[in-house]
Amino acid sequence: MRIKDAFGGCEVVFVTVHESYRAQVAGQKFYVVNDANRWTKIRLLKTARSVARIIWTERPDIVISTGAAPGYLALRLGRIVGARTIWLDSIANVEHLSMSGSRIGRSADLWLTQWPHLARPEGPHYEGAVL
């Protein structure tokens, strides 16, 4: 939500695990998927199915995620349909990269962190923060 103003004039589709965010993007396409992680395998499969349906239906040009398993799946599936991908490691990960970020980063077209001390030459890259 902190970077949504960067997409003024673009058609943006929001996908999240929190229904409560809908009010913050009134008038925009908005999907809710269930939250899952590596410890909840069945839920992870359900999330993958939901994200795949959204990616297939929306056919995005770009997929941007700030983290966690649903975002990881969205980037992987987005690449399959030819979308460019951006992984922005969450502001919450100040001490180290997120697990999802560490796994997907090198596969993303652009891999960013909001913390200069986490940047590395091979990625993630630091281009500024939104705090």
C-alpha atoms as a PDB file:
ATOM      1  CA  MET A   1       0.000   0.000   0.000  1.00  0.00           C
ATOM      2  CA  ARG A   2       2.953   2.339   0.620  1.00  0.00           C
ATOM      3  CA  ILE A   3       3.918   2.257  -3.071  1.00  0.00           C
ATOM      4  CA  LYS A   4       0.451   2.321  -4.640  1.00  0.00           C
ATOM      5  CA  ASP A   5       0.733   5.995  -5.625  1.00  0.00           C
ATOM      6  CA  ALA A   6       3.597   5.066  -7.957  1.00  0.00           C
ATOM      7  CA  PHE A   7       1.041   3.387 -10.208  1.00  0.00           C
ATOM      8  CA  GLY A   8      -1.218   6.361 -10.883  1.00  0.00           C
ATOM      9  CA  GLY A   9      -2.709   6.067 -14.354  1.00  0.00           C
ATOM     10  CA  CYS A  10      -2.102   2.318 -14.497  1.00  0.00           C
ATOM     11  CA  GLU A  11      -4.649  -0.450 -14.271  1.00  0.00           C
ATOM     12  CA  VAL A  12      -3.774  -2.095 -10.975  1.00  0.00           C
ATOM     13  CA  VAL A  13      -5.144  -5.323  -9.551  1.00  0.00           C
ATOM     14  CA  PHE A  14      -4.573  -5.882  -5.849  1.00  0.00           C
ATOM     15  CA  VAL A  15      -4.199  -9.355  -4.352  1.00  0.00           C
ATOM     16  CA  THR A  16      -3.815  -9.791  -0.625  1.00  0.00           C
ATOM     17  CA  VAL A  17      -4.619 -12.071   2.276  1.00  0.00           C
ATOM     18  CA  HIS A  18      -6.454  -9.283   4.148  1.00  0.00           C
ATOM     19  CA  GLU A  19     -10.032  -8.381   3.237  1.00  0.00           C
ATOM     20  CA  SER A  20      -9.703  -5.251   5.379  1.00  0.00           C
ATOM     21  CA  TYR A  21      -7.453  -3.617   2.738  1.00  0.00           C
ATOM     22  CA  ARG A  22     -10.306  -3.418   0.221  1.00  0.00           C
ATOM     23  CA  ALA A  23     -11.454  -0.033   1.573  1.00  0.00           C
ATOM     24  CA  GLN A  24      -7.981   1.434   0.921  1.00  0.00           C
ATOM     25  CA  VAL A  25      -8.238   0.738  -2.814  1.00  0.00           C
ATOM     26  CA  ALA A  26     -11.914   1.381  -3.451  1.00  0.00           C
ATOM     27  CA  GLY A  27     -12.750   1.202  -7.127  1.00  0.00           C
ATOM     28  CA  GLN A  28      -9.786  -1.045  -7.987  1.00  0.00           C
ATOM     29  CA  LYS A  29      -9.908  -4.744  -8.802  1.00  0.00           C
ATOM     30  CA  PHE A  30      -9.280  -6.559  -5.556  1.00  0.00           C
ATOM     31  CA  TYR A  31      -8.828 -10.241  -4.732  1.00  0.00           C
ATOM     32  CA  VAL A  32      -8.349 -12.009  -1.425  1.00  0.00           C
ATOM     33  CA  VAL A  33      -6.469 -15.307  -1.241  1.00  0.00           C
ATOM     34  CA  ASN A  34      -5.955 -17.398   1.851  1.00  0.00           C
ATOM     35  CA  ASP A  35      -2.677 -17.026   3.674  1.00  0.00           C
ATOM     36  CA  ALA A  36      -0.384 -20.037   3.699  1.00  0.00           C
ATOM     37  CA  ASN A  37       3.205 -20.999   4.305  1.00  0.00           C
ATOM     38  CA  ARG A  38       5.532 -23.963   4.034  1.00  0.00           C
ATOM     39  CA  TRP A  39       4.041 -25.491   7.182  1.00  0.00           C
ATOM     40  CA  THR A  40       0.452 -25.455   5.887  1.00  0.00           C
ATOM     41  CA  LYS A  41       0.792 -27.551   2.733  1.00  0.00           C
ATOM     42  CA  ILE A  42      -2.918 -27.981   1.965  1.00  0.00           C
ATOM     43  CA  ARG A  43      -3.552 -24.262   2.379  1.00  0.00           C
ATOM     44  CA  LEU A  44      -0.513 -23.583   0.201  1.00  0.00           C
ATOM     45  CA  LEU A  45      -2.038 -25.672  -2.587  1.00  0.00           C
ATOM     46  CA  LYS A  46      -5.321 -23.768  -2.249  1.00  0.00           C
ATOM     47  CA  THR A  47      -3.438 -20.472  -2.382  1.00  0.00           C
ATOM     48  CA  ALA A  48      -1.539 -21.618  -5.472  1.00  0.00           C
ATOM     49  CA  ARG A  49      -4.823 -22.494  -7.174  1.00  0.00           C
ATOM     50  CA  SER A  50      -6.346 -19.116  -6.309  1.00  0.00           C
ATOM     51  CA  VAL A  51      -3.266 -17.168  -7.426  1.00  0.00           C
ATOM     52  CA  ALA A  52      -3.078 -19.185 -10.657  1.00  0.00           C
ATOM     53  CA  ARG A  53      -6.721 -18.390 -11.407  1.00  0.00           C
ATOM     54  CA  ILE A  54      -6.085 -14.674 -10.849  1.00  0.00           C
ATOM     55  CA  ILE A  55      -2.927 -14.646 -12.982  1.00  0.00           C
ATOM     56  CA  TRP A  56      -4.679 -16.563 -15.768  1.00  0.00           C
ATOM     57  CA  THR A  57      -7.730 -14.288 -15.684  1.00  0.00           C
ATOM     58  CA  GLU A  58      -5.929 -10.952 -15.363  1.00  0.00           C
ATOM     59  CA  ARG A  59      -2.903 -11.693 -17.578  1.00  0.00           C
ATOM     60  CA  PRO A  60      -0.727  -9.036 -15.914  1.00  0.00           C
ATOM     61  CA  ASP A  61       2.112  -7.245 -17.674  1.00  0.00           C
ATOM     62  CA  ILE A  62       3.934  -6.833 -14.370  1.00  0.00           C
ATOM     63  CA  VAL A  63       3.658  -8.682 -11.056  1.00  0.00           C
ATOM     64  CA  ILE A  64       4.966  -6.896  -7.969  1.00  0.00           C
ATOM     65  CA  SER A  65       5.116  -8.472  -4.549  1.00  0.00           C
ATOM     66  CA  THR A  66       6.309  -7.399  -1.140  1.00  0.00           C
ATOM     67  CA  GLY A  67       6.465 -10.844   0.265  1.00  0.00           C
ATOM     68  CA  ALA A  68       5.366 -14.139   1.687  1.00  0.00           C
ATOM     69  CA  ALA A  69       4.170 -17.314   0.023  1.00  0.00           C
ATOM     70  CA  PRO A  70       1.245 -15.868  -1.991  1.00  0.00           C
ATOM     71  CA  GLY A  71       3.578 -13.261  -3.498  1.00  0.00           C
ATOM     72  CA  TYR A  72       6.209 -15.883  -4.242  1.00  0.00           C
ATOM     73  CA  LEU A  73       3.595 -17.933  -6.081  1.00  0.00           C
ATOM     74  CA  ALA A  74       2.337 -14.866  -7.959  1.00  0.00           C
ATOM     75  CA  LEU A  75       5.824 -14.082  -9.282  1.00  0.00           C
ATOM     76  CA  ARG A  76       6.468 -17.676 -10.318  1.00  0.00           C
ATOM     77  CA  LEU A  77       3.106 -17.980 -12.053  1.00  0.00           C
ATOM     78  CA  GLY A  78       3.306 -14.497 -13.528  1.00  0.00           C
ATOM     79  CA  ARG A  79       6.547 -15.377 -15.301  1.00  0.00           C
ATOM     80  CA  ILE A  80       4.827 -18.357 -16.902  1.00  0.00           C
ATOM     81  CA  VAL A  81       2.358 -16.019 -18.633  1.00  0.00           C
ATOM     82  CA  GLY A  82       5.133 -13.618 -19.661  1.00  0.00           C
ATOM     83  CA  ALA A  83       4.798 -10.962 -16.963  1.00  0.00           C
ATOM     84  CA  ARG A  84       7.781  -8.955 -15.807  1.00  0.00           C
ATOM     85  CA  THR A  85       8.357  -9.426 -12.089  1.00  0.00           C
ATOM     86  CA  ILE A  86       9.479  -7.242  -9.199  1.00  0.00           C
ATOM     87  CA  TRP A  87      10.161  -8.478  -5.690  1.00  0.00           C
ATOM     88  CA  LEU A  88      10.323  -5.757  -3.051  1.00  0.00           C
ATOM     89  CA  ASP A  89      11.403  -7.300   0.222  1.00  0.00           C
ATOM     90  CA  SER A  90       9.070  -6.115   2.946  1.00  0.00           C
ATOM     91  CA  ILE A  91       9.843  -3.220   5.257  1.00  0.00           C
ATOM     92  CA  ALA A  92       9.398  -5.702   8.107  1.00  0.00           C
ATOM     93  CA  ASN A  93      12.564  -7.571   7.136  1.00  0.00           C
ATOM     94  CA  VAL A  94      15.100  -5.144   8.564  1.00  0.00           C
ATOM     95  CA  GLU A  95      17.616  -7.650   9.935  1.00  0.00           C
ATOM     96  CA  HIS A  96      17.683 -10.146   7.071  1.00  0.00           C
ATOM     97  CA  LEU A  97      15.877 -10.926   3.842  1.00  0.00           C
ATOM     98  CA  SER A  98      12.611 -12.810   4.006  1.00  0.00           C
ATOM     99  CA  MET A  99      12.697 -16.500   3.188  1.00  0.00           C
ATOM    100  CA  SER A 100      10.473 -15.922   0.160  1.00  0.00           C
ATOM    101  CA  GLY A 101      12.672 -13.039  -0.987  1.00  0.00           C
ATOM    102  CA  SER A 102      15.795 -15.128  -0.661  1.00  0.00           C
ATOM    103  CA  ARG A 103      14.241 -17.865  -2.785  1.00  0.00           C
ATOM    104  CA  ILE A 104      12.546 -15.791  -5.487  1.00  0.00           C
ATOM    105  CA  GLY A 105      14.863 -12.802  -5.737  1.00  0.00           C
ATOM    106  CA  ARG A 106      17.262 -14.127  -8.342  1.00  0.00           C
ATOM    107  CA  SER A 107      14.306 -15.195 -10.499  1.00  0.00           C
ATOM    108  CA  ALA A 108      12.671 -11.758 -10.419  1.00  0.00           C
ATOM    109  CA  ASP A 109      13.378  -9.221 -13.145  1.00  0.00           C
ATOM    110  CA  LEU A 110      13.986  -6.644 -10.422  1.00  0.00           C
ATOM    111  CA  TRP A 111      14.874  -7.530  -6.836  1.00  0.00           C
ATOM    112  CA  LEU A 112      14.809  -4.709  -4.288  1.00  0.00           C
ATOM    113  CA  THR A 113      15.253  -4.188  -0.566  1.00  0.00           C
ATOM    114  CA  GLN A 114      14.348  -1.125   1.456  1.00  0.00           C
ATOM    115  CA  TRP A 115      17.390  -1.503   3.677  1.00  0.00           C
ATOM    116  CA  PRO A 116      20.819  -0.439   2.351  1.00  0.00           C
ATOM    117  CA  HIS A 117      22.715  -2.877   4.591  1.00  0.00           C
ATOM    118  CA  LEU A 118      20.876  -5.833   3.006  1.00  0.00           C
ATOM    119  CA  ALA A 119      21.791  -4.869  -0.570  1.00  0.00           C
ATOM    120  CA  ARG A 120      24.321  -7.014  -2.417  1.00  0.00           C
ATOM    121  CA  PRO A 121      25.864  -6.659  -5.890  1.00  0.00           C
ATOM    122  CA  GLU A 122      23.951  -9.744  -7.097  1.00  0.00           C
ATOM    123  CA  GLY A 123      20.742  -8.520  -5.428  1.00  0.00           C
ATOM    124  CA  PRO A 124      18.701  -7.418  -3.784  1.00  0.00           C
ATOM    125  CA  HIS A 125      19.424  -3.856  -4.801  1.00  0.00           C
ATOM    126  CA  TYR A 126      18.740  -0.756  -2.749  1.00  0.00           C
ATOM    127  CA  GLU A 127      17.139   2.151  -4.632  1.00  0.00           C
ATOM    128  CA  GLY A 128      15.591   3.975  -1.672  1.00  0.00           C
ATOM    129  CA  ALA A 129      12.946   3.421   0.964  1.00  0.00           C
ATOM    130  CA  VAL A 130       9.284   4.308   1.321  1.00  0.00           C
ATOM    131  CA  LEU A 131       9.302   4.783   5.085  1.00  0.00           C
END
